[in-house]
Amino acid sequence: MRFAFPVVFATIALSAAGCGPDLVEPVVPVDGRKVLVVPFSERSQASFDSINGLDLAEAVTVRLTREREAQGDDVPEPIPQAKLQEVLARVDPSTLKPDDIGRRAGANLVVAGQLKKFETKRPGDVGILRGTAEAEVRILDAARTGADGTLYSGTLVVQYPPTEGFDVDSWGAGATTEINEEQMRRALVSLLSKEIAQLLYPHEAEKKTRGAWDVGP
């Protein structure tokens, strides 16, 4: 079965008052499966060439590992990025499709995608930073090839610093002078990794200010 969600924004509302938070289920079946996160490409940079894409794959893998330790089989078993490097040691990864890489690594599910936007500051800003990141994310069945193997396809958007509300016109509003560009880069990677990882495990819906500071992997 294919799950398709054109756009997923990074703000989730609380359930009705007095009912407690809703449980958000994974977007694809995950029981007994192993998942590999392939480094994302970024505009003109291919997968495995983008530092942001490499860091994002590692951060998502770390988050999934922590959640599996907490939730057990409700979270797919993540294949370490070190294992991925071993598998590709004698192969040019640019010649392989994500599902091919997943099969070589022993994965059932593959997370892949492209960073469509990754900005640590907005043009014209002086003395302040406003960061935004947008990723097209796909979750693939490694046993199937082509379009039939796509189980989920969606777009995730995060920003830092946060704003109380969010819409297309206000996207990127707010600014900070408290961090440098490298810290902003790591913050965007961290925020995006959380949104991607949560596609694959049950979690409570929560109301959160967009881009809430979270620099952990």
N, C-alpha and C. Protein backbone atom coordinates (compact mmCIF):
# COMPACT_ATOMS: atom_id res chain seq x y z
N MET A 1 0.85 -1.20 0.00
CA MET A 1 0.00 0.00 0.00
C MET A 1 0.88 1.24 0.00
N ARG A 2 0.49 2.23 -0.76
CA ARG A 2 1.27 3.45 -0.84
C ARG A 2 0.62 4.54 -0.03
N PHE A 3 1.43 5.22 0.78
CA PHE A 3 0.96 6.36 1.56
C PHE A 3 1.55 7.60 0.94
N ALA A 4 0.73 8.56 0.56
CA ALA A 4 1.24 9.77 -0.07
C ALA A 4 0.68 10.99 0.65
N PHE A 5 1.56 11.87 1.09
CA PHE A 5 1.16 13.09 1.76
C PHE A 5 1.94 14.23 1.12
N PRO A 6 1.32 15.09 0.31
CA PRO A 6 2.05 16.09 -0.45
C PRO A 6 2.91 17.01 0.39
N VAL A 7 2.39 17.53 1.47
CA VAL A 7 3.16 18.47 2.29
C VAL A 7 2.90 18.19 3.75
N VAL A 8 3.96 18.11 4.53
CA VAL A 8 3.82 17.92 5.97
C VAL A 8 4.53 19.07 6.65
N PHE A 9 3.81 19.88 7.43
CA PHE A 9 4.42 20.98 8.16
C PHE A 9 4.79 20.51 9.55
N ALA A 10 5.71 21.21 10.17
CA ALA A 10 6.30 20.75 11.43
C ALA A 10 5.57 21.25 12.66
N THR A 11 4.30 21.57 12.54
CA THR A 11 3.51 21.96 13.71
C THR A 11 2.33 21.02 13.85
N ILE A 12 2.16 20.43 15.03
CA ILE A 12 1.09 19.48 15.28
C ILE A 12 0.23 20.01 16.42
N ALA A 13 -1.06 19.99 16.26
CA ALA A 13 -1.95 20.57 17.26
C ALA A 13 -2.29 19.56 18.34
N LEU A 14 -2.63 20.07 19.50
CA LEU A 14 -3.11 19.22 20.58
C LEU A 14 -4.49 18.70 20.26
N SER A 15 -4.84 17.58 20.85
CA SER A 15 -6.19 17.06 20.69
C SER A 15 -7.16 17.93 21.49
N ALA A 16 -8.42 17.60 21.40
CA ALA A 16 -9.43 18.40 22.08
C ALA A 16 -9.14 18.49 23.57
N ALA A 17 -9.49 19.61 24.14
CA ALA A 17 -9.21 19.86 25.56
C ALA A 17 -9.78 18.75 26.41
N GLY A 18 -8.95 18.27 27.38
CA GLY A 18 -9.40 17.25 28.30
C GLY A 18 -9.25 15.84 27.80
N CYS A 19 -8.88 15.65 26.52
CA CYS A 19 -8.76 14.31 25.96
C CYS A 19 -7.32 13.81 25.97
N GLY A 20 -6.37 14.68 26.28
CA GLY A 20 -4.98 14.28 26.25
C GLY A 20 -4.45 14.27 24.83
N PRO A 21 -3.16 14.13 24.68
CA PRO A 21 -2.56 14.18 23.34
C PRO A 21 -2.91 12.94 22.52
N ASP A 22 -3.11 13.12 21.23
CA ASP A 22 -3.36 12.00 20.34
C ASP A 22 -2.05 11.29 20.05
N LEU A 23 -2.15 10.03 19.68
CA LEU A 23 -0.99 9.25 19.29
C LEU A 23 -0.89 9.25 17.78
N VAL A 24 0.23 9.71 17.27
CA VAL A 24 0.47 9.74 15.83
C VAL A 24 1.20 8.46 15.44
N GLU A 25 0.60 7.68 14.55
CA GLU A 25 1.18 6.40 14.14
C GLU A 25 2.20 6.60 13.01
N PRO A 26 3.11 5.65 12.81
CA PRO A 26 4.04 5.73 11.68
C PRO A 26 3.30 5.80 10.36
N VAL A 27 3.89 6.42 9.37
CA VAL A 27 3.22 6.58 8.08
C VAL A 27 3.30 5.32 7.23
N VAL A 28 4.16 4.36 7.64
CA VAL A 28 4.27 3.08 6.94
C VAL A 28 4.37 1.98 7.99
N PRO A 29 4.03 0.73 7.64
CA PRO A 29 4.22 -0.38 8.59
C PRO A 29 5.70 -0.55 8.92
N VAL A 30 6.02 -0.72 10.20
CA VAL A 30 7.42 -0.78 10.61
C VAL A 30 7.78 -2.04 11.40
N ASP A 31 6.78 -2.84 11.81
CA ASP A 31 7.05 -4.01 12.65
C ASP A 31 8.05 -4.96 12.00
N GLY A 32 9.11 -5.29 12.73
CA GLY A 32 10.07 -6.27 12.26
C GLY A 32 10.92 -5.84 11.09
N ARG A 33 10.95 -4.56 10.82
CA ARG A 33 11.70 -4.08 9.65
C ARG A 33 12.98 -3.36 10.06
N LYS A 34 13.92 -3.38 9.13
CA LYS A 34 15.16 -2.63 9.29
C LYS A 34 15.12 -1.45 8.33
N VAL A 35 15.60 -0.30 8.79
CA VAL A 35 15.54 0.90 7.96
C VAL A 35 16.93 1.50 7.78
N LEU A 36 17.21 1.93 6.58
CA LEU A 36 18.46 2.62 6.25
C LEU A 36 18.14 4.03 5.81
N VAL A 37 18.84 5.00 6.39
CA VAL A 37 18.70 6.40 5.97
C VAL A 37 19.86 6.73 5.03
N VAL A 38 19.54 6.99 3.78
CA VAL A 38 20.56 7.34 2.79
C VAL A 38 20.78 8.85 2.85
N PRO A 39 22.04 9.31 2.85
CA PRO A 39 22.29 10.75 2.86
C PRO A 39 21.52 11.47 1.76
N PHE A 40 20.93 12.60 2.12
CA PHE A 40 20.11 13.36 1.18
C PHE A 40 21.00 14.13 0.20
N SER A 41 20.50 14.28 -1.01
CA SER A 41 21.16 15.18 -1.95
C SER A 41 20.73 16.61 -1.61
N GLU A 42 21.41 17.58 -2.20
CA GLU A 42 21.10 18.98 -1.91
C GLU A 42 21.34 19.83 -3.15
N ARG A 43 20.26 20.21 -3.78
CA ARG A 43 20.33 21.03 -4.98
C ARG A 43 21.35 20.47 -5.97
N SER A 44 22.50 21.13 -6.17
CA SER A 44 23.48 20.68 -7.16
C SER A 44 24.42 19.61 -6.62
N GLN A 45 24.27 19.25 -5.34
CA GLN A 45 25.15 18.25 -4.73
C GLN A 45 24.44 16.91 -4.66
N ALA A 46 25.14 15.87 -5.14
CA ALA A 46 24.56 14.54 -5.13
C ALA A 46 24.56 13.96 -3.72
N SER A 47 23.78 12.90 -3.54
CA SER A 47 23.82 12.18 -2.27
C SER A 47 25.25 11.77 -1.98
N PHE A 48 25.65 11.85 -0.72
CA PHE A 48 27.00 11.55 -0.23
C PHE A 48 27.98 12.70 -0.46
N ASP A 49 27.57 13.77 -1.16
CA ASP A 49 28.45 14.92 -1.38
C ASP A 49 28.07 16.11 -0.51
N SER A 50 26.87 16.12 0.02
CA SER A 50 26.38 17.24 0.81
C SER A 50 26.65 17.01 2.29
N ILE A 51 27.37 17.92 2.93
CA ILE A 51 27.63 17.81 4.36
C ILE A 51 26.33 17.86 5.14
N ASN A 52 25.39 18.69 4.69
CA ASN A 52 24.09 18.75 5.37
C ASN A 52 23.34 17.42 5.21
N GLY A 53 23.40 16.84 4.01
CA GLY A 53 22.74 15.57 3.77
C GLY A 53 23.34 14.43 4.57
N LEU A 54 24.67 14.42 4.69
CA LEU A 54 25.37 13.39 5.47
C LEU A 54 25.03 13.53 6.96
N ASP A 55 25.09 14.77 7.46
CA ASP A 55 24.77 15.00 8.88
C ASP A 55 23.32 14.66 9.18
N LEU A 56 22.43 14.95 8.24
CA LEU A 56 21.01 14.66 8.44
C LEU A 56 20.78 13.15 8.54
N ALA A 57 21.41 12.37 7.68
CA ALA A 57 21.26 10.92 7.72
C ALA A 57 21.74 10.37 9.05
N GLU A 58 22.86 10.87 9.54
CA GLU A 58 23.39 10.41 10.83
C GLU A 58 22.45 10.80 11.96
N ALA A 59 21.93 12.03 11.92
CA ALA A 59 21.05 12.50 13.00
C ALA A 59 19.74 11.72 13.04
N VAL A 60 19.17 11.41 11.88
CA VAL A 60 17.93 10.62 11.84
C VAL A 60 18.20 9.22 12.39
N THR A 61 19.33 8.63 12.00
CA THR A 61 19.68 7.29 12.47
C THR A 61 19.84 7.26 13.98
N VAL A 62 20.49 8.28 14.54
CA VAL A 62 20.68 8.35 15.99
C VAL A 62 19.34 8.47 16.70
N ARG A 63 18.45 9.30 16.17
CA ARG A 63 17.13 9.46 16.80
C ARG A 63 16.36 8.15 16.78
N LEU A 64 16.38 7.46 15.66
CA LEU A 64 15.66 6.19 15.56
C LEU A 64 16.25 5.15 16.51
N THR A 65 17.57 5.17 16.66
CA THR A 65 18.23 4.24 17.58
C THR A 65 17.76 4.48 19.01
N ARG A 66 17.69 5.74 19.41
CA ARG A 66 17.24 6.08 20.76
C ARG A 66 15.78 5.70 20.97
N GLU A 67 14.96 5.94 19.97
CA GLU A 67 13.54 5.61 20.11
C GLU A 67 13.32 4.10 20.15
N ARG A 68 14.12 3.36 19.40
CA ARG A 68 13.99 1.90 19.43
C ARG A 68 14.37 1.35 20.80
N GLU A 69 15.39 1.95 21.42
CA GLU A 69 15.77 1.54 22.76
C GLU A 69 14.63 1.78 23.75
N ALA A 70 13.84 2.83 23.50
CA ALA A 70 12.73 3.17 24.40
C ALA A 70 11.45 2.42 24.07
N GLN A 71 11.18 2.21 22.78
CA GLN A 71 9.89 1.65 22.36
C GLN A 71 9.96 0.23 21.81
N GLY A 72 11.15 -0.28 21.60
CA GLY A 72 11.28 -1.64 21.09
C GLY A 72 10.83 -1.78 19.65
N ASP A 73 10.09 -2.84 19.37
CA ASP A 73 9.72 -3.17 17.99
C ASP A 73 8.71 -2.22 17.37
N ASP A 74 8.21 -1.25 18.13
CA ASP A 74 7.34 -0.23 17.54
C ASP A 74 8.14 0.72 16.65
N VAL A 75 9.45 0.62 16.71
CA VAL A 75 10.35 1.44 15.90
C VAL A 75 11.18 0.51 15.03
N PRO A 76 11.32 0.77 13.73
CA PRO A 76 12.15 -0.11 12.90
C PRO A 76 13.61 -0.05 13.35
N GLU A 77 14.32 -1.14 13.13
CA GLU A 77 15.73 -1.19 13.53
C GLU A 77 16.58 -0.39 12.55
N PRO A 78 17.22 0.69 13.01
CA PRO A 78 18.02 1.50 12.10
C PRO A 78 19.38 0.86 11.83
N ILE A 79 19.80 0.88 10.59
CA ILE A 79 21.12 0.38 10.21
C ILE A 79 22.12 1.52 10.38
N PRO A 80 23.18 1.33 11.16
CA PRO A 80 24.14 2.40 11.42
C PRO A 80 24.76 2.95 10.13
N GLN A 81 25.09 4.22 10.14
CA GLN A 81 25.74 4.82 8.98
C GLN A 81 27.11 4.21 8.74
N ALA A 82 27.77 3.73 9.79
CA ALA A 82 29.06 3.06 9.62
C ALA A 82 28.91 1.79 8.77
N LYS A 83 27.80 1.08 8.97
CA LYS A 83 27.52 -0.10 8.16
C LYS A 83 27.33 0.28 6.70
N LEU A 84 26.67 1.40 6.47
CA LEU A 84 26.47 1.89 5.11
C LEU A 84 27.80 2.16 4.44
N GLN A 85 28.72 2.78 5.16
CA GLN A 85 30.04 3.07 4.60
C GLN A 85 30.78 1.78 4.26
N GLU A 86 30.64 0.75 5.08
CA GLU A 86 31.27 -0.54 4.79
C GLU A 86 30.70 -1.15 3.51
N VAL A 87 29.40 -1.09 3.38
CA VAL A 87 28.73 -1.68 2.22
C VAL A 87 29.18 -0.99 0.93
N LEU A 88 29.41 0.31 1.01
CA LEU A 88 29.74 1.09 -0.19
C LEU A 88 31.24 1.31 -0.37
N ALA A 89 32.04 0.63 0.43
CA ALA A 89 33.49 0.87 0.40
C ALA A 89 34.10 0.61 -0.98
N ARG A 90 33.57 -0.35 -1.71
CA ARG A 90 34.13 -0.72 -3.02
C ARG A 90 33.19 -0.37 -4.17
N VAL A 91 32.23 0.48 -3.89
CA VAL A 91 31.23 0.83 -4.90
C VAL A 91 31.07 2.34 -4.96
N ASP A 92 30.87 2.87 -6.15
CA ASP A 92 30.55 4.28 -6.30
C ASP A 92 29.06 4.46 -6.02
N PRO A 93 28.69 5.09 -4.90
CA PRO A 93 27.26 5.19 -4.56
C PRO A 93 26.45 5.97 -5.58
N SER A 94 27.11 6.81 -6.38
CA SER A 94 26.37 7.60 -7.37
C SER A 94 25.81 6.72 -8.49
N THR A 95 26.30 5.48 -8.58
CA THR A 95 25.81 4.56 -9.61
C THR A 95 24.64 3.73 -9.13
N LEU A 96 24.27 3.89 -7.85
CA LEU A 96 23.22 3.07 -7.26
C LEU A 96 22.01 3.91 -6.89
N LYS A 97 20.83 3.34 -7.01
CA LYS A 97 19.61 3.98 -6.53
C LYS A 97 19.44 3.67 -5.05
N PRO A 98 18.67 4.50 -4.33
CA PRO A 98 18.49 4.27 -2.89
C PRO A 98 18.01 2.87 -2.53
N ASP A 99 17.08 2.30 -3.33
CA ASP A 99 16.60 0.96 -3.01
C ASP A 99 17.70 -0.09 -3.21
N ASP A 100 18.57 0.14 -4.20
CA ASP A 100 19.72 -0.76 -4.40
C ASP A 100 20.64 -0.72 -3.18
N ILE A 101 20.91 0.49 -2.70
CA ILE A 101 21.77 0.65 -1.53
C ILE A 101 21.13 -0.03 -0.32
N GLY A 102 19.83 0.14 -0.18
CA GLY A 102 19.13 -0.49 0.95
C GLY A 102 19.25 -2.00 0.93
N ARG A 103 19.07 -2.61 -0.23
CA ARG A 103 19.18 -4.06 -0.33
C ARG A 103 20.59 -4.53 0.01
N ARG A 104 21.58 -3.80 -0.45
CA ARG A 104 22.97 -4.17 -0.16
C ARG A 104 23.25 -4.10 1.35
N ALA A 105 22.57 -3.18 2.03
CA ALA A 105 22.79 -3.00 3.47
C ALA A 105 21.89 -3.89 4.32
N GLY A 106 20.99 -4.63 3.68
CA GLY A 106 20.08 -5.51 4.41
C GLY A 106 18.86 -4.83 4.98
N ALA A 107 18.46 -3.70 4.38
CA ALA A 107 17.31 -2.94 4.87
C ALA A 107 16.03 -3.37 4.18
N ASN A 108 14.91 -3.27 4.91
CA ASN A 108 13.59 -3.44 4.32
C ASN A 108 13.01 -2.11 3.87
N LEU A 109 13.32 -1.06 4.66
CA LEU A 109 12.85 0.29 4.37
C LEU A 109 14.05 1.20 4.12
N VAL A 110 13.87 2.14 3.22
CA VAL A 110 14.93 3.12 2.92
C VAL A 110 14.33 4.52 2.98
N VAL A 111 14.99 5.39 3.72
CA VAL A 111 14.61 6.80 3.77
C VAL A 111 15.59 7.57 2.88
N ALA A 112 15.08 8.29 1.93
CA ALA A 112 15.92 9.06 1.00
C ALA A 112 15.23 10.36 0.68
N GLY A 113 15.94 11.27 0.04
CA GLY A 113 15.30 12.52 -0.33
C GLY A 113 16.27 13.58 -0.79
N GLN A 114 15.77 14.80 -0.85
CA GLN A 114 16.57 15.93 -1.32
C GLN A 114 16.29 17.15 -0.47
N LEU A 115 17.33 17.86 -0.10
CA LEU A 115 17.19 19.14 0.57
C LEU A 115 16.93 20.20 -0.50
N LYS A 116 15.69 20.66 -0.58
CA LYS A 116 15.32 21.64 -1.60
C LYS A 116 15.74 23.04 -1.20
N LYS A 117 15.82 23.27 0.11
CA LYS A 117 16.25 24.58 0.62
C LYS A 117 16.97 24.35 1.93
N PHE A 118 18.09 25.03 2.11
CA PHE A 118 18.81 24.96 3.38
C PHE A 118 19.56 26.29 3.53
N GLU A 119 18.95 27.19 4.27
CA GLU A 119 19.49 28.55 4.41
C GLU A 119 19.73 28.87 5.87
N THR A 120 20.96 29.21 6.22
CA THR A 120 21.28 29.61 7.59
C THR A 120 21.06 31.09 7.82
N LYS A 121 20.82 31.83 6.74
CA LYS A 121 20.45 33.24 6.87
C LYS A 121 19.74 33.66 5.61
N ARG A 122 18.99 34.75 5.72
CA ARG A 122 18.25 35.25 4.57
C ARG A 122 19.04 36.36 3.89
N PRO A 123 18.99 36.41 2.55
CA PRO A 123 19.71 37.46 1.83
C PRO A 123 19.32 38.84 2.33
N GLY A 124 20.33 39.68 2.57
CA GLY A 124 20.08 41.05 3.03
C GLY A 124 20.13 41.22 4.52
N ASP A 125 20.04 40.13 5.28
CA ASP A 125 20.10 40.24 6.74
C ASP A 125 21.53 40.56 7.18
N VAL A 126 21.65 41.49 8.10
CA VAL A 126 22.95 41.88 8.64
C VAL A 126 22.88 41.82 10.16
N GLY A 127 23.76 41.05 10.79
CA GLY A 127 23.82 40.98 12.23
C GLY A 127 22.77 40.09 12.87
N ILE A 128 21.94 39.44 12.06
CA ILE A 128 20.92 38.52 12.57
C ILE A 128 20.90 37.27 11.69
N LEU A 129 20.34 36.21 12.20
CA LEU A 129 20.21 34.97 11.44
C LEU A 129 18.78 34.48 11.47
N ARG A 130 18.29 34.07 10.32
CA ARG A 130 16.98 33.44 10.21
C ARG A 130 17.16 32.23 9.30
N GLY A 131 16.98 31.03 9.84
CA GLY A 131 17.25 29.82 9.08
C GLY A 131 16.01 29.07 8.68
N THR A 132 16.03 28.49 7.49
CA THR A 132 14.92 27.68 7.01
C THR A 132 15.48 26.46 6.27
N ALA A 133 14.79 25.35 6.36
CA ALA A 133 15.18 24.14 5.63
C ALA A 133 13.93 23.43 5.14
N GLU A 134 14.02 22.92 3.93
CA GLU A 134 12.90 22.19 3.32
C GLU A 134 13.44 20.93 2.67
N ALA A 135 12.81 19.81 2.95
CA ALA A 135 13.27 18.53 2.41
C ALA A 135 12.13 17.75 1.78
N GLU A 136 12.38 17.21 0.61
CA GLU A 136 11.48 16.22 0.03
C GLU A 136 11.92 14.85 0.55
N VAL A 137 11.00 14.13 1.17
CA VAL A 137 11.33 12.87 1.83
C VAL A 137 10.56 11.73 1.19
N ARG A 138 11.26 10.63 0.95
CA ARG A 138 10.61 9.41 0.46
C ARG A 138 10.98 8.25 1.37
N ILE A 139 10.01 7.38 1.61
CA ILE A 139 10.27 6.12 2.30
C ILE A 139 9.97 5.00 1.30
N LEU A 140 10.96 4.17 1.06
CA LEU A 140 10.89 3.16 0.01
C LEU A 140 10.88 1.75 0.58
N ASP A 141 10.21 0.86 -0.12
CA ASP A 141 10.28 -0.57 0.15
C ASP A 141 11.47 -1.09 -0.64
N ALA A 142 12.51 -1.54 0.06
CA ALA A 142 13.74 -1.94 -0.62
C ALA A 142 13.56 -3.16 -1.51
N ALA A 143 12.51 -3.92 -1.28
CA ALA A 143 12.29 -5.13 -2.07
C ALA A 143 11.62 -4.83 -3.41
N ARG A 144 11.17 -3.59 -3.59
CA ARG A 144 10.47 -3.23 -4.83
C ARG A 144 11.20 -2.07 -5.49
N THR A 145 11.13 -2.00 -6.79
CA THR A 145 11.85 -0.97 -7.53
C THR A 145 10.86 -0.02 -8.21
N GLY A 146 11.38 1.15 -8.57
CA GLY A 146 10.57 2.11 -9.28
C GLY A 146 9.50 2.75 -8.41
N ALA A 147 8.50 3.33 -9.09
CA ALA A 147 7.44 4.04 -8.37
C ALA A 147 6.66 3.13 -7.43
N ASP A 148 6.56 1.85 -7.78
CA ASP A 148 5.81 0.91 -6.94
C ASP A 148 6.45 0.72 -5.58
N GLY A 149 7.73 1.06 -5.46
CA GLY A 149 8.41 0.89 -4.19
C GLY A 149 8.27 2.07 -3.25
N THR A 150 7.65 3.15 -3.69
CA THR A 150 7.48 4.33 -2.86
C THR A 150 6.29 4.15 -1.92
N LEU A 151 6.57 4.08 -0.63
CA LEU A 151 5.51 3.91 0.36
C LEU A 151 5.00 5.25 0.89
N TYR A 152 5.86 6.23 0.87
CA TYR A 152 5.51 7.56 1.39
C TYR A 152 6.31 8.60 0.64
N SER A 153 5.69 9.73 0.35
CA SER A 153 6.37 10.86 -0.25
C SER A 153 5.78 12.14 0.31
N GLY A 154 6.63 13.01 0.82
CA GLY A 154 6.12 14.25 1.41
C GLY A 154 7.20 15.30 1.54
N THR A 155 6.80 16.48 1.92
CA THR A 155 7.72 17.60 2.10
C THR A 155 7.67 18.08 3.54
N LEU A 156 8.83 18.26 4.14
CA LEU A 156 8.94 18.74 5.51
C LEU A 156 9.65 20.10 5.51
N VAL A 157 9.13 21.01 6.31
CA VAL A 157 9.68 22.35 6.41
C VAL A 157 9.93 22.69 7.87
N VAL A 158 11.12 23.20 8.19
CA VAL A 158 11.43 23.66 9.54
C VAL A 158 12.10 25.02 9.46
N GLN A 159 12.07 25.74 10.56
CA GLN A 159 12.75 27.02 10.61
C GLN A 159 13.25 27.29 12.03
N TYR A 160 14.25 28.14 12.11
CA TYR A 160 14.72 28.65 13.39
C TYR A 160 15.18 30.09 13.16
N PRO A 161 14.84 31.01 14.06
CA PRO A 161 14.11 30.85 15.32
C PRO A 161 12.61 30.66 15.10
N PRO A 162 11.90 30.28 16.17
CA PRO A 162 10.48 29.97 16.03
C PRO A 162 9.62 31.21 15.90
N THR A 163 8.44 30.99 15.38
CA THR A 163 7.40 32.02 15.38
C THR A 163 6.16 31.40 15.99
N GLU A 164 5.30 32.22 16.56
CA GLU A 164 4.09 31.70 17.22
C GLU A 164 3.12 31.08 16.22
N GLY A 165 3.03 31.67 15.03
CA GLY A 165 2.14 31.13 14.01
C GLY A 165 2.96 30.80 12.78
N PHE A 166 2.32 30.14 11.82
CA PHE A 166 3.04 29.80 10.61
C PHE A 166 2.11 29.78 9.42
N ASP A 167 2.51 30.46 8.38
CA ASP A 167 1.87 30.30 7.10
C ASP A 167 2.93 30.65 6.05
N VAL A 168 2.58 30.47 4.80
CA VAL A 168 3.57 30.67 3.75
C VAL A 168 4.11 32.09 3.75
N ASP A 169 3.25 33.07 4.00
CA ASP A 169 3.68 34.46 3.94
C ASP A 169 4.64 34.82 5.08
N SER A 170 4.48 34.18 6.24
CA SER A 170 5.31 34.53 7.39
C SER A 170 6.48 33.58 7.58
N TRP A 171 6.60 32.60 6.69
CA TRP A 171 7.67 31.61 6.82
C TRP A 171 9.02 32.30 6.87
N GLY A 172 9.79 32.01 7.89
CA GLY A 172 11.10 32.63 8.02
C GLY A 172 11.10 33.86 8.88
N ALA A 173 9.94 34.27 9.40
CA ALA A 173 9.90 35.45 10.26
C ALA A 173 10.63 35.18 11.55
N GLY A 174 11.08 36.24 12.20
CA GLY A 174 11.86 36.09 13.43
C GLY A 174 13.33 36.07 13.11
N ALA A 175 14.17 36.40 14.07
CA ALA A 175 15.60 36.45 13.84
C ALA A 175 16.33 36.28 15.16
N THR A 176 17.61 35.93 15.08
CA THR A 176 18.39 35.78 16.29
C THR A 176 19.81 36.28 16.08
N THR A 177 20.39 36.83 17.12
CA THR A 177 21.80 37.24 17.11
C THR A 177 22.60 36.37 18.07
N GLU A 178 21.98 35.33 18.62
CA GLU A 178 22.58 34.55 19.70
C GLU A 178 23.42 33.38 19.24
N ILE A 179 23.34 32.98 17.97
CA ILE A 179 24.12 31.85 17.47
C ILE A 179 24.80 32.23 16.16
N ASN A 180 25.85 31.47 15.80
CA ASN A 180 26.52 31.72 14.55
C ASN A 180 25.96 30.81 13.45
N GLU A 181 26.50 30.92 12.23
CA GLU A 181 25.93 30.17 11.12
C GLU A 181 26.11 28.67 11.27
N GLU A 182 27.22 28.21 11.82
CA GLU A 182 27.41 26.78 12.01
C GLU A 182 26.44 26.24 13.04
N GLN A 183 26.20 26.98 14.10
CA GLN A 183 25.20 26.55 15.08
C GLN A 183 23.81 26.53 14.46
N MET A 184 23.53 27.52 13.61
CA MET A 184 22.25 27.53 12.91
C MET A 184 22.12 26.31 12.00
N ARG A 185 23.20 25.97 11.29
CA ARG A 185 23.19 24.80 10.41
C ARG A 185 22.88 23.53 11.20
N ARG A 186 23.53 23.37 12.34
CA ARG A 186 23.31 22.18 13.16
C ARG A 186 21.90 22.16 13.74
N ALA A 187 21.39 23.34 14.08
CA ALA A 187 20.03 23.41 14.62
C ALA A 187 19.01 22.98 13.56
N LEU A 188 19.19 23.43 12.32
CA LEU A 188 18.27 23.05 11.25
C LEU A 188 18.34 21.56 10.96
N VAL A 189 19.56 21.00 10.97
CA VAL A 189 19.72 19.56 10.77
C VAL A 189 18.99 18.81 11.87
N SER A 190 19.14 19.26 13.11
CA SER A 190 18.51 18.59 14.24
C SER A 190 16.99 18.65 14.15
N LEU A 191 16.46 19.82 13.87
CA LEU A 191 15.01 19.97 13.76
C LEU A 191 14.45 19.10 12.64
N LEU A 192 15.13 19.09 11.50
CA LEU A 192 14.65 18.32 10.37
C LEU A 192 14.76 16.82 10.65
N SER A 193 15.82 16.41 11.33
CA SER A 193 15.99 14.99 11.64
C SER A 193 14.86 14.49 12.53
N LYS A 194 14.41 15.32 13.45
CA LYS A 194 13.32 14.91 14.33
C LYS A 194 12.04 14.70 13.54
N GLU A 195 11.74 15.62 12.64
CA GLU A 195 10.52 15.50 11.84
C GLU A 195 10.55 14.26 10.96
N ILE A 196 11.72 13.95 10.39
CA ILE A 196 11.84 12.76 9.53
C ILE A 196 11.72 11.49 10.36
N ALA A 197 12.44 11.44 11.48
CA ALA A 197 12.42 10.24 12.32
C ALA A 197 11.00 9.94 12.81
N GLN A 198 10.24 10.97 13.15
CA GLN A 198 8.90 10.76 13.69
C GLN A 198 7.93 10.17 12.67
N LEU A 199 8.30 10.15 11.40
CA LEU A 199 7.48 9.48 10.41
C LEU A 199 7.46 7.97 10.63
N LEU A 200 8.43 7.47 11.41
CA LEU A 200 8.65 6.03 11.50
C LEU A 200 8.38 5.43 12.87
N TYR A 201 7.86 6.21 13.82
CA TYR A 201 7.54 5.63 15.12
C TYR A 201 6.36 6.35 15.75
N PRO A 202 5.62 5.64 16.63
CA PRO A 202 4.48 6.26 17.31
C PRO A 202 4.98 7.37 18.24
N HIS A 203 4.28 8.49 18.23
CA HIS A 203 4.64 9.58 19.13
C HIS A 203 3.40 10.41 19.43
N GLU A 204 3.45 11.08 20.56
CA GLU A 204 2.32 11.91 20.95
C GLU A 204 2.31 13.20 20.14
N ALA A 205 1.13 13.55 19.65
CA ALA A 205 0.97 14.83 18.99
C ALA A 205 1.17 15.92 20.04
N GLU A 206 1.87 16.93 19.65
CA GLU A 206 2.15 17.98 20.62
C GLU A 206 2.08 19.34 19.94
N LYS A 207 1.64 20.31 20.72
CA LYS A 207 1.66 21.67 20.21
C LYS A 207 3.02 22.24 20.53
N LYS A 208 3.71 22.71 19.49
CA LYS A 208 5.05 23.23 19.71
C LYS A 208 5.26 24.44 18.85
N THR A 209 6.04 25.37 19.34
CA THR A 209 6.37 26.54 18.57
C THR A 209 7.33 26.11 17.47
N ARG A 210 7.02 26.49 16.26
CA ARG A 210 7.80 26.02 15.13
C ARG A 210 9.27 26.35 15.32
N GLY A 211 10.11 25.34 15.07
CA GLY A 211 11.54 25.56 15.14
C GLY A 211 12.07 25.59 16.55
N ALA A 212 11.36 25.04 17.54
CA ALA A 212 11.82 25.08 18.91
C ALA A 212 13.25 24.57 18.99
N TRP A 213 14.07 25.25 19.78
CA TRP A 213 15.50 24.95 19.82
C TRP A 213 15.76 23.54 20.30
N ASP A 214 16.49 22.78 19.51
CA ASP A 214 16.79 21.40 19.84
C ASP A 214 18.03 21.01 19.06
N VAL A 215 19.20 21.10 19.68
CA VAL A 215 20.44 20.87 18.95
C VAL A 215 20.94 19.45 19.10
N GLY A 216 20.20 18.59 19.80
CA GLY A 216 20.62 17.20 19.94
C GLY A 216 20.40 16.47 18.63
N PRO A 217 21.14 15.37 18.40
CA PRO A 217 20.97 14.61 17.16
C PRO A 217 19.64 13.87 17.14
